[in-house]
Amino acid sequence: MASVNGTATPEQPSDERFARVQQLARSGQLVAARSLCEEILATHPRHTAALNFLAMLALQQGDLPYSVKLLQQALEVEPERAALHRNLALAYAAQRDWNAAVAGLDRALALQPGFAAALLDKGAMLERLNRSEEALANFYAALEEARTQGLWLQAEATPPNIRSLLAHATVTVQNARAGFIAERLRPVRERHGDAALARVDKCIDIYLGRRPLQYLHPQQRPTFMLFPDIPARNFFDREEFPELDAIEQATPEIQAELEQVMSGTEGFRPFIEIPDSPGAEYWQTLNHSPNWNAFFFYRDGVRYDGNCRRCPKTAAALDALDLSRVPEHSPEALFSILTPGTHIPPHTGVTNTRLVCHLPLVIPGNGALKVAGEAREWSEGRCMIFDDTFEHEAWNDSDRTRVVLIFDLWNPYLTPAEREAISVAVQATGHFNRQMNSRRGFAAKPQASV
């Protein structure tokens, strides 16, 4: 058995001699490293690290049968080690035995489903077998796992054998994504023409990495999509939105419905509900916390019918507006409840194609919304409109709860044709992602919208 605590066993000696092997290899002294590895195996023939090292050295030198033999010996000792199965698959691939290589990678991924390098390799092997759709799904999964795990963020720090395959996978996925979006946009383009969608095309190129991302303001950082060639403004003047008159006039009725639902807890949930993942620690104080609570009428484009029935006048006022509607993505509309002493830390929204509006309902004072360094206090019954792709934060330093009605509006700088096209394009990105995930056999991982 292999050592599990760093101490020596009959099969696996202490790590000191093998550490010397690695040191020699890093300094380019491969002959000496190989000789020391052979010495280790002479006394400990089941030393998996030494077997693996010699196997990969043999693979590099083209001695493929010997590489396969050594890796098979290592797997007899550690059959549950995913990296050994991957290396054996690479040895089979060097022999152009693509089916055996795929089978080996499947074994590695069964043991370690998030093994990004194995997913990349499997994509390459499947391409060799002309199984292009499966290859694409594995490339997509590899890129998603790398993003989630924070792998390969710097090209210079990425192993050379990964770097070129990673670039190929990225281009393959982006080309497929671009084709998918273009096909969904075709009817919109036929209705409106290329000229009407010129800025949308530029937006999609930026999203796909085909054009450089150029911000017009240092604090504007959309987390998903930047629409180009429109003014970068943190706050918008209320007078630019005469359609908000009606919902402002309905403030007393909305406040009455708010008071009714706040008499209990039914229908409320924390606004921040992020699963454990890189970056979640930033929201630690508010994650799953009722200190920033929400009563949703819409979330990610889904209407909460039960909550709307409980607040019919609020729901009717919202539905009378030209909300930013992208099925499965927006609008978001909710009573946003901030308890005394709560601070929402600086963050940015997903896209500048929409704006966020606050209708203040319960404003105890000693609180504000700051967008791109500019702080404004809420005024009851008076809408406040801002672009949440600018860094923004909010706080309630009073001793009473603050409540605003939040909802999404289209950015007025988009034309009707651009709104339609963006809605279709954003839906297409979601459909593409789900299609890729379903091909791999697992559902899309939920991502919080904050």
Protein backbone atom coordinates (compact mmCIF):
# COMPACT_ATOMS: atom_id res chain seq x y z
CA MET A 1 0.00 0.00 0.00
CA ALA A 2 1.08 3.60 -0.61
CA SER A 3 2.02 5.83 2.28
CA VAL A 4 -0.81 8.11 3.32
CA ASN A 5 1.06 10.18 5.88
CA GLY A 6 4.52 10.67 4.37
CA THR A 7 6.19 7.84 6.26
CA ALA A 8 7.98 4.99 4.55
CA THR A 9 6.36 1.63 3.76
CA PRO A 10 7.86 -1.45 2.06
CA GLU A 11 6.39 -0.27 -1.26
CA GLN A 12 6.94 3.47 -0.87
CA PRO A 13 10.10 4.84 0.78
CA SER A 14 10.23 8.32 2.28
CA ASP A 15 9.93 11.18 -0.19
CA GLU A 16 13.48 12.47 0.28
CA ARG A 17 15.10 10.52 -2.57
CA PHE A 18 12.25 11.13 -4.97
CA ALA A 19 12.32 14.83 -4.11
CA ARG A 20 15.93 14.71 -5.32
CA VAL A 21 14.70 13.12 -8.57
CA GLN A 22 12.34 16.03 -9.10
CA GLN A 23 15.06 18.52 -8.30
CA LEU A 24 17.40 16.95 -10.84
CA ALA A 25 14.65 16.93 -13.48
CA ARG A 26 13.85 20.60 -12.90
CA SER A 27 17.49 21.48 -13.41
CA GLY A 28 17.60 19.53 -16.69
CA GLN A 29 19.70 16.64 -15.37
CA LEU A 30 17.41 13.94 -16.78
CA VAL A 31 20.09 11.23 -17.00
CA ALA A 32 20.88 11.60 -13.30
CA ALA A 33 17.17 11.77 -12.45
CA ARG A 34 16.49 8.60 -14.38
CA SER A 35 19.41 6.80 -12.74
CA LEU A 36 18.21 7.74 -9.25
CA CYS A 37 14.65 6.64 -10.12
CA GLU A 38 15.96 3.25 -11.23
CA GLU A 39 17.85 2.95 -7.93
CA ILE A 40 14.62 3.63 -6.03
CA LEU A 41 12.77 0.99 -8.04
CA ALA A 42 15.54 -1.55 -7.51
CA THR A 43 14.67 -1.61 -3.80
CA HIS A 44 11.06 -0.45 -3.99
CA PRO A 45 9.62 -1.77 -7.29
CA ARG A 46 6.12 -0.58 -6.41
CA HIS A 47 7.05 3.07 -5.91
CA THR A 48 4.33 4.72 -8.02
CA ALA A 49 5.92 8.16 -8.24
CA ALA A 50 9.15 6.67 -9.61
CA LEU A 51 7.22 4.43 -12.01
CA ASN A 52 5.22 7.39 -13.23
CA PHE A 53 8.32 9.56 -13.64
CA LEU A 54 10.14 6.96 -15.72
CA ALA A 55 6.97 6.28 -17.73
CA MET A 56 6.54 9.94 -18.68
CA LEU A 57 10.24 10.21 -19.50
CA ALA A 58 9.90 7.15 -21.75
CA LEU A 59 6.84 8.73 -23.36
CA GLN A 60 8.78 11.90 -24.16
CA GLN A 61 11.60 9.83 -25.63
CA GLY A 62 9.24 7.76 -27.79
CA ASP A 63 9.62 4.45 -25.92
CA LEU A 64 5.87 3.92 -25.86
CA PRO A 65 5.62 0.21 -24.90
CA TYR A 66 7.90 0.78 -21.91
CA SER A 67 5.85 3.81 -20.87
CA VAL A 68 2.62 1.79 -21.00
CA LYS A 69 4.21 -1.08 -19.03
CA LEU A 70 5.42 1.22 -16.23
CA LEU A 71 2.07 2.99 -15.92
CA GLN A 72 0.22 -0.30 -15.78
CA GLN A 73 2.55 -1.37 -12.96
CA ALA A 74 1.85 1.89 -11.12
CA LEU A 75 -1.90 1.39 -11.49
CA GLU A 76 -1.64 -2.07 -9.97
CA VAL A 77 -0.46 -0.28 -6.82
CA GLU A 78 -2.76 2.77 -6.99
CA PRO A 79 -5.77 1.92 -9.18
CA GLU A 80 -7.76 4.85 -7.78
CA ARG A 81 -5.28 7.52 -8.84
CA ALA A 82 -6.84 9.54 -11.65
CA ALA A 83 -3.55 11.12 -12.79
CA LEU A 84 -2.07 7.70 -13.55
CA HIS A 85 -5.07 6.78 -15.70
CA ARG A 86 -4.68 10.05 -17.57
CA ASN A 87 -0.97 9.43 -18.17
CA LEU A 88 -1.67 5.93 -19.43
CA ALA A 89 -4.26 7.42 -21.79
CA LEU A 90 -1.61 9.82 -23.10
CA ALA A 91 0.69 6.87 -23.75
CA TYR A 92 -2.06 5.11 -25.69
CA ALA A 93 -2.69 8.32 -27.63
CA ALA A 94 0.98 8.49 -28.57
CA GLN A 95 0.48 5.04 -30.09
CA ARG A 96 -2.60 6.45 -31.91
CA ASP A 97 -4.84 4.04 -30.04
CA TRP A 98 -7.54 6.68 -29.61
CA ASN A 99 -10.23 4.33 -28.30
CA ALA A 100 -7.95 3.03 -25.54
CA ALA A 101 -6.97 6.62 -24.76
CA VAL A 102 -10.61 7.71 -24.40
CA ALA A 103 -11.34 4.70 -22.20
CA GLY A 104 -8.42 5.60 -19.95
CA LEU A 105 -9.57 9.18 -19.66
CA ASP A 106 -13.07 7.98 -18.81
CA ARG A 107 -11.59 6.00 -15.94
CA ALA A 108 -9.68 9.09 -14.77
CA LEU A 109 -12.83 11.22 -14.94
CA ALA A 110 -14.90 8.61 -13.14
CA LEU A 111 -12.45 8.95 -10.25
CA GLN A 112 -12.09 12.75 -10.55
CA PRO A 113 -15.00 14.28 -12.50
CA GLY A 114 -13.57 17.81 -12.35
CA PHE A 115 -10.18 16.81 -13.77
CA ALA A 116 -9.79 19.71 -16.21
CA ALA A 117 -6.64 18.43 -17.93
CA ALA A 118 -8.26 15.05 -18.56
CA LEU A 119 -11.33 16.77 -20.02
CA LEU A 120 -9.08 18.72 -22.39
CA ASP A 121 -7.30 15.54 -23.41
CA LYS A 122 -10.56 13.70 -23.93
CA GLY A 123 -11.80 16.47 -26.19
CA ALA A 124 -8.66 16.12 -28.31
CA MET A 125 -9.01 12.32 -28.49
CA LEU A 126 -12.66 12.54 -29.49
CA GLU A 127 -11.75 14.95 -32.27
CA ARG A 128 -9.36 12.30 -33.58
CA LEU A 129 -12.29 9.90 -33.65
CA ASN A 130 -14.45 12.46 -35.52
CA ARG A 131 -16.83 12.67 -32.56
CA SER A 132 -16.93 16.44 -32.79
CA GLU A 133 -20.03 17.13 -30.69
CA GLU A 134 -18.68 15.08 -27.79
CA ALA A 135 -15.29 16.74 -28.20
CA LEU A 136 -16.90 20.17 -27.99
CA ALA A 137 -18.77 19.23 -24.81
CA ASN A 138 -15.55 18.06 -23.16
CA PHE A 139 -13.67 21.18 -24.20
CA TYR A 140 -16.49 23.27 -22.76
CA ALA A 141 -16.46 21.27 -19.51
CA ALA A 142 -12.67 21.64 -19.26
CA LEU A 143 -12.88 25.41 -19.61
CA GLU A 144 -15.68 25.62 -17.04
CA GLU A 145 -13.77 23.48 -14.55
CA ALA A 146 -10.63 25.56 -15.10
CA ARG A 147 -12.60 28.76 -14.50
CA THR A 148 -14.28 27.39 -11.38
CA GLN A 149 -11.01 26.06 -9.95
CA GLY A 150 -8.94 29.11 -10.94
CA LEU A 151 -6.62 27.08 -13.17
CA TRP A 152 -4.38 28.30 -16.00
CA LEU A 153 -5.08 31.97 -15.39
CA GLN A 154 -1.65 33.06 -16.61
CA ALA A 155 -0.33 31.73 -19.90
CA GLU A 156 3.27 31.78 -18.73
CA ALA A 157 2.36 29.70 -15.67
CA THR A 158 0.40 27.13 -17.70
CA PRO A 159 2.33 23.94 -18.53
CA PRO A 160 3.41 23.97 -22.21
CA ASN A 161 1.63 20.68 -22.93
CA ILE A 162 -1.60 22.26 -21.68
CA ARG A 163 -1.17 25.70 -23.22
CA SER A 164 -1.66 24.88 -26.90
CA LEU A 165 -4.55 22.49 -26.22
CA LEU A 166 -6.19 25.07 -23.97
CA ALA A 167 -5.97 27.66 -26.76
CA HIS A 168 -7.45 25.18 -29.24
CA ALA A 169 -10.30 24.31 -26.86
CA THR A 170 -11.04 27.99 -26.27
CA VAL A 171 -11.25 28.75 -29.98
CA THR A 172 -13.33 25.63 -30.63
CA VAL A 173 -15.88 26.51 -27.95
CA GLN A 174 -16.04 30.18 -28.90
CA ASN A 175 -16.56 29.35 -32.59
CA ALA A 176 -19.36 26.97 -31.68
CA ARG A 177 -20.91 29.54 -29.36
CA ALA A 178 -20.67 32.21 -32.07
CA GLY A 179 -22.34 29.96 -34.61
CA PHE A 180 -25.10 29.09 -32.16
CA ILE A 181 -25.81 32.76 -31.42
CA ALA A 182 -25.66 33.72 -35.11
CA GLU A 183 -28.22 31.08 -36.02
CA ARG A 184 -30.61 32.28 -33.32
CA LEU A 185 -30.15 35.89 -34.48
CA ARG A 186 -30.80 35.10 -38.14
CA PRO A 187 -34.58 35.84 -38.06
CA VAL A 188 -33.96 39.10 -36.18
CA ARG A 189 -31.35 40.10 -38.74
CA GLU A 190 -33.72 39.31 -41.59
CA ARG A 191 -36.35 41.60 -40.04
CA HIS A 192 -34.12 44.55 -39.21
CA GLY A 193 -31.00 44.28 -41.40
CA ASP A 194 -27.29 44.27 -40.65
CA ALA A 195 -27.03 48.03 -40.08
CA ALA A 196 -29.59 47.95 -37.27
CA LEU A 197 -27.61 45.22 -35.50
CA ALA A 198 -24.12 46.65 -36.02
CA ARG A 199 -23.64 47.52 -32.34
CA VAL A 200 -25.12 44.17 -31.28
CA ASP A 201 -22.59 42.39 -33.50
CA LYS A 202 -19.81 44.39 -31.87
CA CYS A 203 -21.21 43.55 -28.42
CA ILE A 204 -21.21 39.84 -29.22
CA ASP A 205 -17.67 40.02 -30.61
CA ILE A 206 -16.53 41.61 -27.34
CA TYR A 207 -18.34 38.93 -25.35
CA LEU A 208 -16.68 36.20 -27.42
CA GLY A 209 -13.24 37.77 -27.05
CA ARG A 210 -12.97 38.65 -30.74
CA ARG A 211 -12.70 42.36 -30.01
CA PRO A 212 -10.85 44.06 -27.16
CA LEU A 213 -12.92 45.03 -24.14
CA GLN A 214 -12.64 48.80 -23.71
CA TYR A 215 -14.34 50.43 -20.76
CA LEU A 216 -15.38 54.08 -20.87
CA HIS A 217 -15.21 54.44 -17.09
CA PRO A 218 -12.72 52.86 -14.66
CA GLN A 219 -15.48 51.72 -12.30
CA GLN A 220 -17.70 50.11 -14.95
CA ARG A 221 -17.12 46.36 -14.91
CA PRO A 222 -20.07 44.26 -16.12
CA THR A 223 -19.67 40.66 -15.04
CA PHE A 224 -21.31 39.27 -18.19
CA MET A 225 -21.72 41.58 -21.18
CA LEU A 226 -20.76 45.12 -22.15
CA PHE A 227 -22.81 46.85 -24.84
CA PRO A 228 -20.47 49.27 -26.68
CA ASP A 229 -20.84 52.77 -28.06
CA ILE A 230 -23.40 54.05 -25.57
CA PRO A 231 -22.74 56.71 -22.91
CA ALA A 232 -21.31 55.44 -19.63
CA ARG A 233 -23.46 57.02 -16.92
CA ASN A 234 -23.74 55.95 -13.30
CA PHE A 235 -27.03 57.73 -12.48
CA PHE A 236 -29.83 58.70 -14.86
CA ASP A 237 -32.18 61.62 -14.36
CA ARG A 238 -35.67 60.71 -13.27
CA GLU A 239 -37.11 63.13 -15.88
CA GLU A 240 -35.78 60.89 -18.66
CA PHE A 241 -38.34 58.23 -17.69
CA PRO A 242 -41.85 59.73 -17.79
CA GLU A 243 -43.25 56.18 -17.88
CA LEU A 244 -42.34 55.92 -14.17
CA ASP A 245 -45.01 58.45 -13.19
CA ALA A 246 -47.64 55.75 -12.79
CA ILE A 247 -45.65 53.49 -10.47
CA GLU A 248 -44.63 56.48 -8.35
CA GLN A 249 -48.28 57.49 -8.04
CA ALA A 250 -49.04 53.94 -6.90
CA THR A 251 -46.54 54.23 -4.01
CA PRO A 252 -49.19 54.33 -1.22
CA GLU A 253 -50.88 51.19 -2.57
CA ILE A 254 -47.54 49.41 -2.93
CA GLN A 255 -46.59 50.43 0.62
CA ALA A 256 -49.84 48.97 1.91
CA GLU A 257 -49.14 45.63 0.22
CA LEU A 258 -45.58 45.73 1.53
CA GLU A 259 -46.83 46.24 5.09
CA GLN A 260 -49.17 43.28 4.71
CA VAL A 261 -46.51 40.83 3.52
CA MET A 262 -43.97 42.06 6.08
CA SER A 263 -46.33 41.05 8.87
CA GLY A 264 -44.93 37.54 8.38
CA THR A 265 -41.98 35.78 6.76
CA GLU A 266 -43.71 33.84 3.98
CA GLY A 267 -42.31 34.56 0.54
CA PHE A 268 -39.08 36.14 1.76
CA ARG A 269 -35.62 34.76 1.09
CA PRO A 270 -32.07 36.09 1.39
CA PHE A 271 -31.05 38.05 -1.69
CA ILE A 272 -27.58 36.51 -1.64
CA GLU A 273 -27.63 32.72 -1.98
CA ILE A 274 -24.29 31.63 -3.38
CA PRO A 275 -23.01 28.05 -3.18
CA ASP A 276 -19.49 27.48 -1.92
CA SER A 277 -17.16 28.47 -4.75
CA PRO A 278 -14.21 30.79 -5.41
CA GLY A 279 -15.37 34.33 -4.71
CA ALA A 280 -18.24 33.35 -2.41
CA GLU A 281 -16.22 34.45 0.62
CA TYR A 282 -16.65 38.08 -0.50
CA TRP A 283 -20.35 37.78 0.39
CA GLN A 284 -19.75 35.88 3.61
CA THR A 285 -21.55 38.34 5.88
CA LEU A 286 -24.68 38.47 3.68
CA ASN A 287 -24.72 35.02 2.09
CA HIS A 288 -27.95 33.25 3.15
CA SER A 289 -28.58 36.11 5.58
CA PRO A 290 -31.98 37.78 6.17
CA ASN A 291 -30.16 41.05 6.77
CA TRP A 292 -30.59 41.62 3.03
CA ASN A 293 -33.91 39.97 2.41
CA ALA A 294 -35.99 39.84 -0.75
CA PHE A 295 -39.61 39.32 -1.72
CA PHE A 296 -39.40 38.52 -5.43
CA PHE A 297 -41.93 39.31 -8.11
CA TYR A 298 -39.47 38.29 -10.83
CA ARG A 299 -36.07 36.68 -10.62
CA ASP A 300 -33.94 35.79 -13.63
CA GLY A 301 -37.00 36.44 -15.79
CA VAL A 302 -39.22 34.00 -13.88
CA ARG A 303 -42.46 35.41 -12.49
CA TYR A 304 -43.22 34.50 -8.88
CA ASP A 305 -46.96 34.09 -9.33
CA GLY A 306 -47.69 33.44 -5.67
CA ASN A 307 -46.01 36.66 -4.55
CA CYS A 308 -47.66 38.59 -7.37
CA ARG A 309 -51.11 37.37 -6.23
CA ARG A 310 -50.38 38.56 -2.71
CA CYS A 311 -49.43 42.02 -4.03
CA PRO A 312 -51.69 42.50 -7.07
CA LYS A 313 -51.37 46.28 -7.32
CA THR A 314 -47.57 46.11 -7.11
CA ALA A 315 -47.51 43.36 -9.74
CA ALA A 316 -49.85 45.33 -12.01
CA ALA A 317 -47.71 48.45 -11.70
CA LEU A 318 -44.62 46.47 -12.62
CA ASP A 319 -46.26 44.71 -15.54
CA ALA A 320 -47.41 48.05 -16.95
CA LEU A 321 -43.77 49.07 -17.37
CA ASP A 322 -41.47 48.22 -20.27
CA LEU A 323 -39.24 46.06 -18.10
CA SER A 324 -36.02 44.59 -19.46
CA ARG A 325 -37.38 41.21 -20.49
CA VAL A 326 -35.00 38.44 -21.47
CA PRO A 327 -36.58 35.03 -20.86
CA GLU A 328 -34.66 33.00 -18.25
CA HIS A 329 -32.48 36.02 -17.43
CA SER A 330 -34.43 39.19 -16.63
CA PRO A 331 -36.21 41.15 -15.29
CA GLU A 332 -35.53 41.07 -11.61
CA ALA A 333 -38.15 42.78 -9.47
CA LEU A 334 -38.43 42.61 -5.70
CA PHE A 335 -38.99 44.28 -2.38
CA SER A 336 -35.41 44.71 -1.13
CA ILE A 337 -35.24 44.76 2.66
CA LEU A 338 -32.13 46.05 4.41
CA THR A 339 -32.09 45.61 8.18
CA PRO A 340 -30.57 48.20 10.55
CA GLY A 341 -26.79 48.42 10.37
CA THR A 342 -26.51 46.38 7.17
CA HIS A 343 -23.98 47.31 4.48
CA ILE A 344 -24.05 45.85 0.97
CA PRO A 345 -20.39 45.84 -0.14
CA PRO A 346 -19.20 47.23 -3.50
CA HIS A 347 -20.07 45.02 -6.46
CA THR A 348 -21.07 45.24 -10.11
CA GLY A 349 -23.97 43.93 -12.17
CA VAL A 350 -24.09 41.76 -15.24
CA THR A 351 -24.77 44.02 -18.23
CA ASN A 352 -25.29 47.66 -19.17
CA THR A 353 -28.10 46.75 -21.57
CA ARG A 354 -30.40 47.21 -18.59
CA LEU A 355 -30.69 49.78 -15.81
CA VAL A 356 -31.81 49.26 -12.24
CA CYS A 357 -34.56 51.35 -10.72
CA HIS A 358 -35.26 51.81 -6.99
CA LEU A 359 -38.69 52.99 -5.87
CA PRO A 360 -38.10 53.92 -2.20
CA LEU A 361 -40.89 52.71 0.09
CA VAL A 362 -39.58 52.80 3.68
CA ILE A 363 -36.69 55.22 4.13
CA PRO A 364 -35.63 55.77 7.75
CA GLY A 365 -32.62 57.99 6.87
CA ASN A 366 -28.93 57.44 7.57
CA GLY A 367 -28.59 55.37 4.42
CA ALA A 368 -27.56 55.83 0.82
CA LEU A 369 -26.74 54.24 -2.51
CA LYS A 370 -23.25 54.95 -3.86
CA VAL A 371 -22.56 54.35 -7.56
CA ALA A 372 -19.09 54.99 -9.00
CA GLY A 373 -18.15 57.00 -5.94
CA GLU A 374 -21.27 59.20 -5.99
CA ALA A 375 -23.63 58.72 -3.02
CA ARG A 376 -27.32 59.61 -3.18
CA GLU A 377 -29.98 59.27 -0.52
CA TRP A 378 -33.32 57.71 -1.32
CA SER A 379 -36.45 59.88 -1.33
CA GLU A 380 -39.70 58.07 -0.58
CA GLY A 381 -41.84 57.61 -3.67
CA ARG A 382 -39.22 59.06 -6.03
CA CYS A 383 -37.53 56.62 -8.42
CA MET A 384 -33.74 56.42 -8.56
CA ILE A 385 -32.26 54.95 -11.77
CA PHE A 386 -28.67 53.77 -12.17
CA ASP A 387 -26.41 51.50 -14.19
CA ASP A 388 -25.39 48.72 -11.83
CA THR A 389 -22.42 47.69 -13.98
CA PHE A 390 -20.68 50.56 -12.20
CA GLU A 391 -19.27 49.59 -8.84
CA HIS A 392 -21.99 50.31 -6.31
CA GLU A 393 -22.83 49.74 -2.67
CA ALA A 394 -25.62 50.60 -0.23
CA TRP A 395 -26.05 50.88 3.50
CA ASN A 396 -28.63 51.41 6.22
CA ASP A 397 -27.06 52.96 9.29
CA SER A 398 -30.40 53.74 10.90
CA ASP A 399 -32.15 51.78 13.65
CA ARG A 400 -35.09 50.83 11.36
CA THR A 401 -35.50 48.64 8.27
CA ARG A 402 -35.13 50.21 4.83
CA VAL A 403 -37.23 48.91 1.92
CA VAL A 404 -37.12 49.74 -1.79
CA LEU A 405 -38.89 48.18 -4.76
CA ILE A 406 -36.21 47.20 -7.31
CA PHE A 407 -36.87 46.47 -10.98
CA ASP A 408 -34.97 46.35 -14.27
CA LEU A 409 -35.49 48.71 -17.21
CA TRP A 410 -33.95 48.68 -20.66
CA ASN A 411 -31.07 51.09 -21.15
CA PRO A 412 -32.72 53.90 -23.17
CA TYR A 413 -29.70 54.13 -25.47
CA LEU A 414 -30.65 50.81 -27.09
CA THR A 415 -33.00 50.82 -30.07
CA PRO A 416 -36.02 48.46 -30.18
CA ALA A 417 -34.18 46.29 -32.72
CA GLU A 418 -31.13 46.12 -30.45
CA ARG A 419 -33.28 45.16 -27.47
CA GLU A 420 -34.81 42.33 -29.44
CA ALA A 421 -31.44 41.15 -30.70
CA ILE A 422 -29.78 41.30 -27.27
CA SER A 423 -32.67 39.36 -25.75
CA VAL A 424 -32.24 36.63 -28.37
CA ALA A 425 -28.44 36.59 -28.07
CA VAL A 426 -28.48 36.34 -24.27
CA GLN A 427 -31.03 33.54 -24.38
CA ALA A 428 -28.82 31.78 -26.94
CA THR A 429 -25.82 31.89 -24.60
CA GLY A 430 -27.86 30.23 -21.87
CA HIS A 431 -29.21 27.58 -24.24
CA PHE A 432 -25.73 26.87 -25.54
CA ASN A 433 -24.37 26.40 -22.02
CA ARG A 434 -27.20 24.07 -21.04
CA GLN A 435 -26.75 22.09 -24.22
CA MET A 436 -23.06 21.63 -23.50
CA ASN A 437 -23.71 20.58 -19.92
CA SER A 438 -26.45 18.14 -20.91
CA ARG A 439 -24.11 16.47 -23.38
CA ARG A 440 -21.67 15.86 -20.59
CA GLY A 441 -24.47 14.57 -18.43
CA PHE A 442 -24.82 17.10 -15.66
CA ALA A 443 -26.99 20.14 -15.08
CA ALA A 444 -25.62 23.66 -15.28
CA LYS A 445 -24.15 24.86 -12.02
CA PRO A 446 -26.28 27.65 -10.49
CA GLN A 447 -24.75 31.09 -10.41
CA ALA A 448 -26.08 33.82 -8.18
CA SER A 449 -27.07 37.09 -9.79
CA VAL A 450 -25.85 39.89 -7.56
